[in-house]
Amino acid sequence: MANIKSAMKRARQDLRRRSRNRYFGATSRTYLKRARTQIEGGDLETAQETVRLAVKALDKAAQKGIIHKNNAARRKSRLMKALNKAKETA
């Protein structure tokens, strides 16, 4: 544990930031997983809405610096590609 006052404050700030970062990362992963499951299940009506929410969550995580913007773009691209492929075959 920190002994210096500024180090103690830094530790408190890190805890708050870590919990905030975990929320945005977990939310984006949840929406991605939900969207992929719906796409694979053939439920394209709800999958389209979930993909929209997943894209929004990824953008938010990238904006806050939790994931890199190129990482978010790559994940969005893969998700949209899967959705479009599923629509094509249906």
PDB file of N, CA and C in Angstrom:
ATOM      1  N   MET A   1       0.842  -1.184   0.000  1.00  0.00           N
ATOM      2  CA  MET A   1       0.000   0.000   0.000  1.00  0.00           C
ATOM      3  C   MET A   1       0.882   1.240   0.000  1.00  0.00           C
ATOM      4  N   ALA A   2       0.385   2.277  -0.604  1.00  0.00           N
ATOM      5  CA  ALA A   2       1.152   3.514  -0.730  1.00  0.00           C
ATOM      6  C   ALA A   2       1.259   4.228   0.611  1.00  0.00           C
ATOM      7  N   ASN A   3       2.397   4.887   0.842  1.00  0.00           N
ATOM      8  CA  ASN A   3       2.621   5.646   2.072  1.00  0.00           C
ATOM      9  C   ASN A   3       2.536   7.150   1.835  1.00  0.00           C
ATOM     10  N   ILE A   4       2.786   7.562   0.606  1.00  0.00           N
ATOM     11  CA  ILE A   4       2.792   8.976   0.283  1.00  0.00           C
ATOM     12  C   ILE A   4       1.392   9.407  -0.108  1.00  0.00           C
ATOM     13  N   LYS A   5       1.039  10.607   0.330  1.00  0.00           N
ATOM     14  CA  LYS A   5      -0.320  11.106   0.121  1.00  0.00           C
ATOM     15  C   LYS A   5      -0.732  11.119  -1.351  1.00  0.00           C
ATOM     16  N   SER A   6       0.168  11.581  -2.211  1.00  0.00           N
ATOM     17  CA  SER A   6      -0.161  11.649  -3.635  1.00  0.00           C
ATOM     18  C   SER A   6      -0.305  10.241  -4.235  1.00  0.00           C
ATOM     19  N   ALA A   7       0.470   9.295  -3.733  1.00  0.00           N
ATOM     20  CA  ALA A   7       0.379   7.917  -4.221  1.00  0.00           C
ATOM     21  C   ALA A   7      -0.937   7.277  -3.778  1.00  0.00           C
ATOM     22  N   MET A   8      -1.393   7.637  -2.575  1.00  0.00           N
ATOM     23  CA  MET A   8      -2.690   7.124  -2.086  1.00  0.00           C
ATOM     24  C   MET A   8      -3.827   7.665  -2.953  1.00  0.00           C
ATOM     25  N   LYS A   9      -3.740   8.944  -3.289  1.00  0.00           N
ATOM     26  CA  LYS A   9      -4.766   9.549  -4.138  1.00  0.00           C
ATOM     27  C   LYS A   9      -4.744   8.896  -5.520  1.00  0.00           C
ATOM     28  N   ARG A  10      -3.563   8.670  -6.046  1.00  0.00           N
ATOM     29  CA  ARG A  10      -3.425   8.034  -7.357  1.00  0.00           C
ATOM     30  C   ARG A  10      -4.042   6.636  -7.332  1.00  0.00           C
ATOM     31  N   ALA A  11      -3.855   5.907  -6.242  1.00  0.00           N
ATOM     32  CA  ALA A  11      -4.423   4.560  -6.118  1.00  0.00           C
ATOM     33  C   ALA A  11      -5.950   4.624  -6.109  1.00  0.00           C
ATOM     34  N   ARG A  12      -6.503   5.614  -5.415  1.00  0.00           N
ATOM     35  CA  ARG A  12      -7.973   5.773  -5.396  1.00  0.00           C
ATOM     36  C   ARG A  12      -8.491   6.102  -6.791  1.00  0.00           C
ATOM     37  N   GLN A  13      -7.792   6.985  -7.500  1.00  0.00           N
ATOM     38  CA  GLN A  13      -8.201   7.367  -8.853  1.00  0.00           C
ATOM     39  C   GLN A  13      -8.142   6.158  -9.793  1.00  0.00           C
ATOM     40  N   ASP A  14      -7.087   5.346  -9.645  1.00  0.00           N
ATOM     41  CA  ASP A  14      -6.930   4.169 -10.492  1.00  0.00           C
ATOM     42  C   ASP A  14      -8.074   3.185 -10.293  1.00  0.00           C
ATOM     43  N   LEU A  15      -8.521   3.024  -9.062  1.00  0.00           N
ATOM     44  CA  LEU A  15      -9.653   2.124  -8.783  1.00  0.00           C
ATOM     45  C   LEU A  15     -10.917   2.595  -9.489  1.00  0.00           C
ATOM     46  N   ARG A  16     -11.183   3.890  -9.391  1.00  0.00           N
ATOM     47  CA  ARG A  16     -12.382   4.444 -10.040  1.00  0.00           C
ATOM     48  C   ARG A  16     -12.301   4.290 -11.555  1.00  0.00           C
ATOM     49  N   ARG A  17     -11.147   4.609 -12.113  1.00  0.00           N
ATOM     50  CA  ARG A  17     -10.975   4.526 -13.570  1.00  0.00           C
ATOM     51  C   ARG A  17     -11.051   3.085 -14.049  1.00  0.00           C
ATOM     52  N   ARG A  18     -10.485   2.171 -13.287  1.00  0.00           N
ATOM     53  CA  ARG A  18     -10.497   0.764 -13.668  1.00  0.00           C
ATOM     54  C   ARG A  18     -11.922   0.240 -13.727  1.00  0.00           C
ATOM     55  N   SER A  19     -12.735   0.597 -12.736  1.00  0.00           N
ATOM     56  CA  SER A  19     -14.118   0.117 -12.735  1.00  0.00           C
ATOM     57  C   SER A  19     -14.901   0.718 -13.903  1.00  0.00           C
ATOM     58  N   ARG A  20     -14.634   1.965 -14.227  1.00  0.00           N
ATOM     59  CA  ARG A  20     -15.304   2.614 -15.350  1.00  0.00           C
ATOM     60  C   ARG A  20     -14.886   1.956 -16.665  1.00  0.00           C
ATOM     61  N   ASN A  21     -13.590   1.691 -16.824  1.00  0.00           N
ATOM     62  CA  ASN A  21     -13.093   1.054 -18.036  1.00  0.00           C
ATOM     63  C   ASN A  21     -13.648  -0.352 -18.188  1.00  0.00           C
ATOM     64  N   ARG A  22     -13.726  -1.091 -17.079  1.00  0.00           N
ATOM     65  CA  ARG A  22     -14.256  -2.458 -17.128  1.00  0.00           C
ATOM     66  C   ARG A  22     -15.705  -2.449 -17.574  1.00  0.00           C
ATOM     67  N   TYR A  23     -16.470  -1.458 -17.169  1.00  0.00           N
ATOM     68  CA  TYR A  23     -17.879  -1.382 -17.558  1.00  0.00           C
ATOM     69  C   TYR A  23     -18.010  -1.264 -19.075  1.00  0.00           C
ATOM     70  N   PHE A  24     -17.267  -0.342 -19.680  1.00  0.00           N
ATOM     71  CA  PHE A  24     -17.390  -0.129 -21.122  1.00  0.00           C
ATOM     72  C   PHE A  24     -16.855  -1.314 -21.918  1.00  0.00           C
ATOM     73  N   GLY A  25     -15.779  -1.924 -21.438  1.00  0.00           N
ATOM     74  CA  GLY A  25     -15.243  -3.103 -22.119  1.00  0.00           C
ATOM     75  C   GLY A  25     -16.201  -4.280 -22.044  1.00  0.00           C
ATOM     76  N   ALA A  26     -16.768  -4.503 -20.872  1.00  0.00           N
ATOM     77  CA  ALA A  26     -17.688  -5.623 -20.679  1.00  0.00           C
ATOM     78  C   ALA A  26     -18.974  -5.421 -21.477  1.00  0.00           C
ATOM     79  N   THR A  27     -19.464  -4.200 -21.519  1.00  0.00           N
ATOM     80  CA  THR A  27     -20.690  -3.906 -22.263  1.00  0.00           C
ATOM     81  C   THR A  27     -20.502  -4.194 -23.742  1.00  0.00           C
ATOM     82  N   SER A  28     -19.387  -3.754 -24.292  1.00  0.00           N
ATOM     83  CA  SER A  28     -19.155  -3.980 -25.723  1.00  0.00           C
ATOM     84  C   SER A  28     -19.011  -5.475 -26.014  1.00  0.00           C
ATOM     85  N   ARG A  29     -18.309  -6.212 -25.143  1.00  0.00           N
ATOM     86  CA  ARG A  29     -18.170  -7.661 -25.346  1.00  0.00           C
ATOM     87  C   ARG A  29     -19.516  -8.365 -25.263  1.00  0.00           C
ATOM     88  N   THR A  30     -20.371  -7.933 -24.342  1.00  0.00           N
ATOM     89  CA  THR A  30     -21.689  -8.541 -24.185  1.00  0.00           C
ATOM     90  C   THR A  30     -22.528  -8.343 -25.435  1.00  0.00           C
ATOM     91  N   TYR A  31     -22.561  -7.129 -25.951  1.00  0.00           N
ATOM     92  CA  TYR A  31     -23.352  -6.854 -27.155  1.00  0.00           C
ATOM     93  C   TYR A  31     -22.806  -7.611 -28.364  1.00  0.00           C
ATOM     94  N   LEU A  32     -21.468  -7.709 -28.463  1.00  0.00           N
ATOM     95  CA  LEU A  32     -20.866  -8.451 -29.570  1.00  0.00           C
ATOM     96  C   LEU A  32     -21.270  -9.917 -29.523  1.00  0.00           C
ATOM     97  N   LYS A  33     -21.188 -10.500 -28.352  1.00  0.00           N
ATOM     98  CA  LYS A  33     -21.529 -11.906 -28.194  1.00  0.00           C
ATOM     99  C   LYS A  33     -23.009 -12.138 -28.495  1.00  0.00           C
ATOM    100  N   ARG A  34     -23.851 -11.268 -27.997  1.00  0.00           N
ATOM    101  CA  ARG A  34     -25.293 -11.378 -28.219  1.00  0.00           C
ATOM    102  C   ARG A  34     -25.623 -11.267 -29.709  1.00  0.00           C
ATOM    103  N   ALA A  35     -24.966 -10.330 -30.387  1.00  0.00           N
ATOM    104  CA  ALA A  35     -25.208 -10.130 -31.817  1.00  0.00           C
ATOM    105  C   ALA A  35     -24.755 -11.347 -32.610  1.00  0.00           C
ATOM    106  N   ARG A  36     -23.562 -11.874 -32.295  1.00  0.00           N
ATOM    107  CA  ARG A  36     -23.071 -13.054 -33.005  1.00  0.00           C
ATOM    108  C   ARG A  36     -23.988 -14.251 -32.803  1.00  0.00           C
ATOM    109  N   THR A  37     -24.485 -14.425 -31.586  1.00  0.00           N
ATOM    110  CA  THR A  37     -25.391 -15.536 -31.289  1.00  0.00           C
ATOM    111  C   THR A  37     -26.677 -15.411 -32.093  1.00  0.00           C
ATOM    112  N   GLN A  38     -27.214 -14.204 -32.173  1.00  0.00           N
ATOM    113  CA  GLN A  38     -28.458 -13.988 -32.919  1.00  0.00           C
ATOM    114  C   GLN A  38     -28.247 -14.177 -34.415  1.00  0.00           C
ATOM    115  N   ILE A  39     -27.107 -13.765 -34.928  1.00  0.00           N
ATOM    116  CA  ILE A  39     -26.807 -13.938 -36.344  1.00  0.00           C
ATOM    117  C   ILE A  39     -26.701 -15.430 -36.669  1.00  0.00           C
ATOM    118  N   GLU A  40     -25.981 -16.166 -35.827  1.00  0.00           N
ATOM    119  CA  GLU A  40     -25.818 -17.604 -36.051  1.00  0.00           C
ATOM    120  C   GLU A  40     -27.139 -18.345 -35.894  1.00  0.00           C
ATOM    121  N   GLY A  41     -28.007 -17.838 -35.027  1.00  0.00           N
ATOM    122  CA  GLY A  41     -29.302 -18.460 -34.813  1.00  0.00           C
ATOM    123  C   GLY A  41     -30.313 -18.141 -35.897  1.00  0.00           C
ATOM    124  N   GLY A  42     -29.994 -17.191 -36.758  1.00  0.00           N
ATOM    125  CA  GLY A  42     -30.878 -16.843 -37.852  1.00  0.00           C
ATOM    126  C   GLY A  42     -31.949 -15.826 -37.495  1.00  0.00           C
ATOM    127  N   ASP A  43     -31.843 -15.233 -36.311  1.00  0.00           N
ATOM    128  CA  ASP A  43     -32.821 -14.230 -35.868  1.00  0.00           C
ATOM    129  C   ASP A  43     -32.349 -12.852 -36.337  1.00  0.00           C
ATOM    130  N   LEU A  44     -32.531 -12.567 -37.613  1.00  0.00           N
ATOM    131  CA  LEU A  44     -31.934 -11.374 -38.220  1.00  0.00           C
ATOM    132  C   LEU A  44     -32.639 -10.079 -37.843  1.00  0.00           C
ATOM    133  N   GLU A  45     -33.907 -10.160 -37.476  1.00  0.00           N
ATOM    134  CA  GLU A  45     -34.644  -8.949 -37.093  1.00  0.00           C
ATOM    135  C   GLU A  45     -34.037  -8.335 -35.830  1.00  0.00           C
ATOM    136  N   THR A  46     -33.912  -9.146 -34.791  1.00  0.00           N
ATOM    137  CA  THR A  46     -33.341  -8.631 -33.540  1.00  0.00           C
ATOM    138  C   THR A  46     -31.829  -8.477 -33.650  1.00  0.00           C
ATOM    139  N   ALA A  47     -31.201  -9.287 -34.506  1.00  0.00           N
ATOM    140  CA  ALA A  47     -29.745  -9.194 -34.670  1.00  0.00           C
ATOM    141  C   ALA A  47     -29.353  -7.824 -35.203  1.00  0.00           C
ATOM    142  N   GLN A  48     -30.159  -7.276 -36.090  1.00  0.00           N
ATOM    143  CA  GLN A  48     -29.831  -5.972 -36.667  1.00  0.00           C
ATOM    144  C   GLN A  48     -29.819  -4.888 -35.581  1.00  0.00           C
ATOM    145  N   GLU A  49     -30.789  -4.933 -34.690  1.00  0.00           N
ATOM    146  CA  GLU A  49     -30.852  -3.958 -33.585  1.00  0.00           C
ATOM    147  C   GLU A  49     -29.682  -4.170 -32.622  1.00  0.00           C
ATOM    148  N   THR A  50     -29.367  -5.430 -32.330  1.00  0.00           N
ATOM    149  CA  THR A  50     -28.266  -5.728 -31.419  1.00  0.00           C
ATOM    150  C   THR A  50     -26.931  -5.318 -32.025  1.00  0.00           C
ATOM    151  N   VAL A  51     -26.782  -5.487 -33.328  1.00  0.00           N
ATOM    152  CA  VAL A  51     -25.551  -5.053 -34.006  1.00  0.00           C
ATOM    153  C   VAL A  51     -25.405  -3.542 -33.881  1.00  0.00           C
ATOM    154  N   ARG A  52     -26.511  -2.835 -34.024  1.00  0.00           N
ATOM    155  CA  ARG A  52     -26.471  -1.378 -33.872  1.00  0.00           C
ATOM    156  C   ARG A  52     -25.996  -1.001 -32.470  1.00  0.00           C
ATOM    157  N   LEU A  53     -26.507  -1.687 -31.457  1.00  0.00           N
ATOM    158  CA  LEU A  53     -26.088  -1.417 -30.075  1.00  0.00           C
ATOM    159  C   LEU A  53     -24.623  -1.802 -29.853  1.00  0.00           C
ATOM    160  N   ALA A  54     -24.181  -2.885 -30.484  1.00  0.00           N
ATOM    161  CA  ALA A  54     -22.790  -3.322 -30.358  1.00  0.00           C
ATOM    162  C   ALA A  54     -21.849  -2.291 -30.970  1.00  0.00           C
ATOM    163  N   VAL A  55     -22.228  -1.766 -32.127  1.00  0.00           N
ATOM    164  CA  VAL A  55     -21.405  -0.740 -32.790  1.00  0.00           C
ATOM    165  C   VAL A  55     -21.318   0.499 -31.911  1.00  0.00           C
ATOM    166  N   LYS A  56     -22.434   0.856 -31.318  1.00  0.00           N
ATOM    167  CA  LYS A  56     -22.456   2.021 -30.426  1.00  0.00           C
ATOM    168  C   LYS A  56     -21.531   1.795 -29.222  1.00  0.00           C
ATOM    169  N   ALA A  57     -21.584   0.602 -28.643  1.00  0.00           N
ATOM    170  CA  ALA A  57     -20.747   0.285 -27.483  1.00  0.00           C
ATOM    171  C   ALA A  57     -19.270   0.277 -27.868  1.00  0.00           C
ATOM    172  N   LEU A  58     -18.941  -0.257 -29.040  1.00  0.00           N
ATOM    173  CA  LEU A  58     -17.546  -0.270 -29.485  1.00  0.00           C
ATOM    174  C   LEU A  58     -17.032   1.144 -29.727  1.00  0.00           C
ATOM    175  N   ASP A  59     -17.870   1.977 -30.324  1.00  0.00           N
ATOM    176  CA  ASP A  59     -17.471   3.371 -30.545  1.00  0.00           C
ATOM    177  C   ASP A  59     -17.219   4.085 -29.223  1.00  0.00           C
ATOM    178  N   LYS A  60     -18.072   3.825 -28.256  1.00  0.00           N
ATOM    179  CA  LYS A  60     -17.929   4.456 -26.938  1.00  0.00           C
ATOM    180  C   LYS A  60     -16.631   4.002 -26.266  1.00  0.00           C
ATOM    181  N   ALA A  61     -16.337   2.698 -26.357  1.00  0.00           N
ATOM    182  CA  ALA A  61     -15.109   2.170 -25.754  1.00  0.00           C
ATOM    183  C   ALA A  61     -13.875   2.756 -26.446  1.00  0.00           C
ATOM    184  N   ALA A  62     -13.936   2.904 -27.757  1.00  0.00           N
ATOM    185  CA  ALA A  62     -12.800   3.477 -28.487  1.00  0.00           C
ATOM    186  C   ALA A  62     -12.636   4.957 -28.156  1.00  0.00           C
ATOM    187  N   GLN A  63     -13.750   5.651 -28.024  1.00  0.00           N
ATOM    188  CA  GLN A  63     -13.718   7.074 -27.699  1.00  0.00           C
ATOM    189  C   GLN A  63     -13.076   7.304 -26.332  1.00  0.00           C
ATOM    190  N   LYS A  64     -13.335   6.400 -25.392  1.00  0.00           N
ATOM    191  CA  LYS A  64     -12.809   6.555 -24.040  1.00  0.00           C
ATOM    192  C   LYS A  64     -11.402   5.973 -23.892  1.00  0.00           C
ATOM    193  N   GLY A  65     -10.885   5.364 -24.965  1.00  0.00           N
ATOM    194  CA  GLY A  65      -9.520   4.854 -24.925  1.00  0.00           C
ATOM    195  C   GLY A  65      -9.397   3.477 -24.315  1.00  0.00           C
ATOM    196  N   ILE A  66     -10.496   2.767 -24.138  1.00  0.00           N
ATOM    197  CA  ILE A  66     -10.444   1.429 -23.556  1.00  0.00           C
ATOM    198  C   ILE A  66      -9.918   0.444 -24.588  1.00  0.00           C
ATOM    199  N   ILE A  67     -10.345   0.604 -25.843  1.00  0.00           N
ATOM    200  CA  ILE A  67      -9.768  -0.158 -26.941  1.00  0.00           C
ATOM    201  C   ILE A  67      -9.309   0.840 -28.002  1.00  0.00           C
ATOM    202  N   HIS A  68      -8.387   0.413 -28.839  1.00  0.00           N
ATOM    203  CA  HIS A  68      -7.875   1.277 -29.896  1.00  0.00           C
ATOM    204  C   HIS A  68      -8.944   1.464 -30.968  1.00  0.00           C
ATOM    205  N   LYS A  69      -8.932   2.604 -31.620  1.00  0.00           N
ATOM    206  CA  LYS A  69      -9.966   2.899 -32.616  1.00  0.00           C
ATOM    207  C   LYS A  69      -9.926   1.918 -33.786  1.00  0.00           C
ATOM    208  N   ASN A  70      -8.725   1.457 -34.159  1.00  0.00           N
ATOM    209  CA  ASN A  70      -8.629   0.470 -35.245  1.00  0.00           C
ATOM    210  C   ASN A  70      -9.181  -0.884 -34.806  1.00  0.00           C
ATOM    211  N   ASN A  71      -9.000  -1.206 -33.531  1.00  0.00           N
ATOM    212  CA  ASN A  71      -9.554  -2.444 -32.975  1.00  0.00           C
ATOM    213  C   ASN A  71     -11.078  -2.395 -33.048  1.00  0.00           C
ATOM    214  N   ALA A  72     -11.646  -1.276 -32.685  1.00  0.00           N
ATOM    215  CA  ALA A  72     -13.099  -1.107 -32.751  1.00  0.00           C
ATOM    216  C   ALA A  72     -13.582  -1.200 -34.192  1.00  0.00           C
ATOM    217  N   ALA A  73     -12.863  -0.573 -35.106  1.00  0.00           N
ATOM    218  CA  ALA A  73     -13.240  -0.597 -36.518  1.00  0.00           C
ATOM    219  C   ALA A  73     -13.191  -2.016 -37.065  1.00  0.00           C
ATOM    220  N   ARG A  74     -12.169  -2.760 -36.681  1.00  0.00           N
ATOM    221  CA  ARG A  74     -12.029  -4.143 -37.150  1.00  0.00           C
ATOM    222  C   ARG A  74     -13.179  -5.010 -36.639  1.00  0.00           C
ATOM    223  N   ARG A  75     -13.513  -4.872 -35.375  1.00  0.00           N
ATOM    224  CA  ARG A  75     -14.614  -5.656 -34.796  1.00  0.00           C
ATOM    225  C   ARG A  75     -15.950  -5.297 -35.440  1.00  0.00           C
ATOM    226  N   LYS A  76     -16.175  -4.009 -35.673  1.00  0.00           N
ATOM    227  CA  LYS A  76     -17.417  -3.576 -36.321  1.00  0.00           C
ATOM    228  C   LYS A  76     -17.494  -4.135 -37.731  1.00  0.00           C
ATOM    229  N   SER A  77     -16.381  -4.103 -38.439  1.00  0.00           N
ATOM    230  CA  SER A  77     -16.348  -4.599 -39.800  1.00  0.00           C
ATOM    231  C   SER A  77     -16.684  -6.081 -39.857  1.00  0.00           C
ATOM    232  N   ARG A  78     -16.101  -6.861 -38.979  1.00  0.00           N
ATOM    233  CA  ARG A  78     -16.361  -8.297 -38.946  1.00  0.00           C
ATOM    234  C   ARG A  78     -17.817  -8.582 -38.605  1.00  0.00           C
ATOM    235  N   LEU A  79     -18.354  -7.811 -37.685  1.00  0.00           N
ATOM    236  CA  LEU A  79     -19.739  -8.007 -37.275  1.00  0.00           C
ATOM    237  C   LEU A  79     -20.700  -7.673 -38.414  1.00  0.00           C
ATOM    238  N   MET A  80     -20.464  -6.569 -39.085  1.00  0.00           N
ATOM    239  CA  MET A  80     -21.320  -6.174 -40.203  1.00  0.00           C
ATOM    240  C   MET A  80     -21.203  -7.168 -41.361  1.00  0.00           C
ATOM    241  N   LYS A  81     -19.992  -7.666 -41.575  1.00  0.00           N
ATOM    242  CA  LYS A  81     -19.791  -8.646 -42.634  1.00  0.00           C
ATOM    243  C   LYS A  81     -20.578  -9.911 -42.338  1.00  0.00           C
ATOM    244  N   ALA A  82     -20.574 -10.356 -41.107  1.00  0.00           N
ATOM    245  CA  ALA A  82     -21.323 -11.558 -40.711  1.00  0.00           C
ATOM    246  C   ALA A  82     -22.818 -11.331 -40.864  1.00  0.00           C
ATOM    247  N   LEU A  83     -23.296 -10.150 -40.474  1.00  0.00           N
ATOM    248  CA  LEU A  83     -24.712  -9.830 -40.587  1.00  0.00           C
ATOM    249  C   LEU A  83     -25.142  -9.802 -42.054  1.00  0.00           C
ATOM    250  N   ASN A  84     -24.366  -9.146 -42.898  1.00  0.00           N
ATOM    251  CA  ASN A  84     -24.704  -9.064 -44.314  1.00  0.00           C
ATOM    252  C   ASN A  84     -24.678 -10.430 -44.992  1.00  0.00           C
ATOM    253  N   LYS A  85     -23.735 -11.261 -44.592  1.00  0.00           N
ATOM    254  CA  LYS A  85     -23.656 -12.619 -45.158  1.00  0.00           C
ATOM    255  C   LYS A  85     -24.886 -13.429 -44.752  1.00  0.00           C
ATOM    256  N   ALA A  86     -25.315 -13.283 -43.509  1.00  0.00           N
ATOM    257  CA  ALA A  86     -26.488 -13.997 -43.025  1.00  0.00           C
ATOM    258  C   ALA A  86     -27.757 -13.515 -43.740  1.00  0.00           C
ATOM    259  N   LYS A  87     -27.821 -12.214 -43.985  1.00  0.00           N
ATOM    260  CA  LYS A  87     -28.979 -11.651 -44.717  1.00  0.00           C
ATOM    261  C   LYS A  87     -29.018 -12.186 -46.139  1.00  0.00           C
ATOM    262  N   GLU A  88     -27.847 -12.285 -46.760  1.00  0.00           N
ATOM    263  CA  GLU A  88     -27.726 -12.755 -48.132  1.00  0.00           C
ATOM    264  C   GLU A  88     -28.222 -14.193 -48.278  1.00  0.00           C
ATOM    265  N   THR A  89     -27.829 -15.034 -47.342  1.00  0.00           N
ATOM    266  CA  THR A  89     -28.205 -16.442 -47.427  1.00  0.00           C
ATOM    267  C   THR A  89     -29.677 -16.671 -47.045  1.00  0.00           C
ATOM    268  N   ALA A  90     -30.242 -15.774 -46.265  1.00  0.00           N
ATOM    269  CA  ALA A  90     -31.633 -15.962 -45.819  1.00  0.00           C
ATOM    270  C   ALA A  90     -32.648 -15.573 -46.877  1.00  0.00           C
TER     271      ALA A  90
END
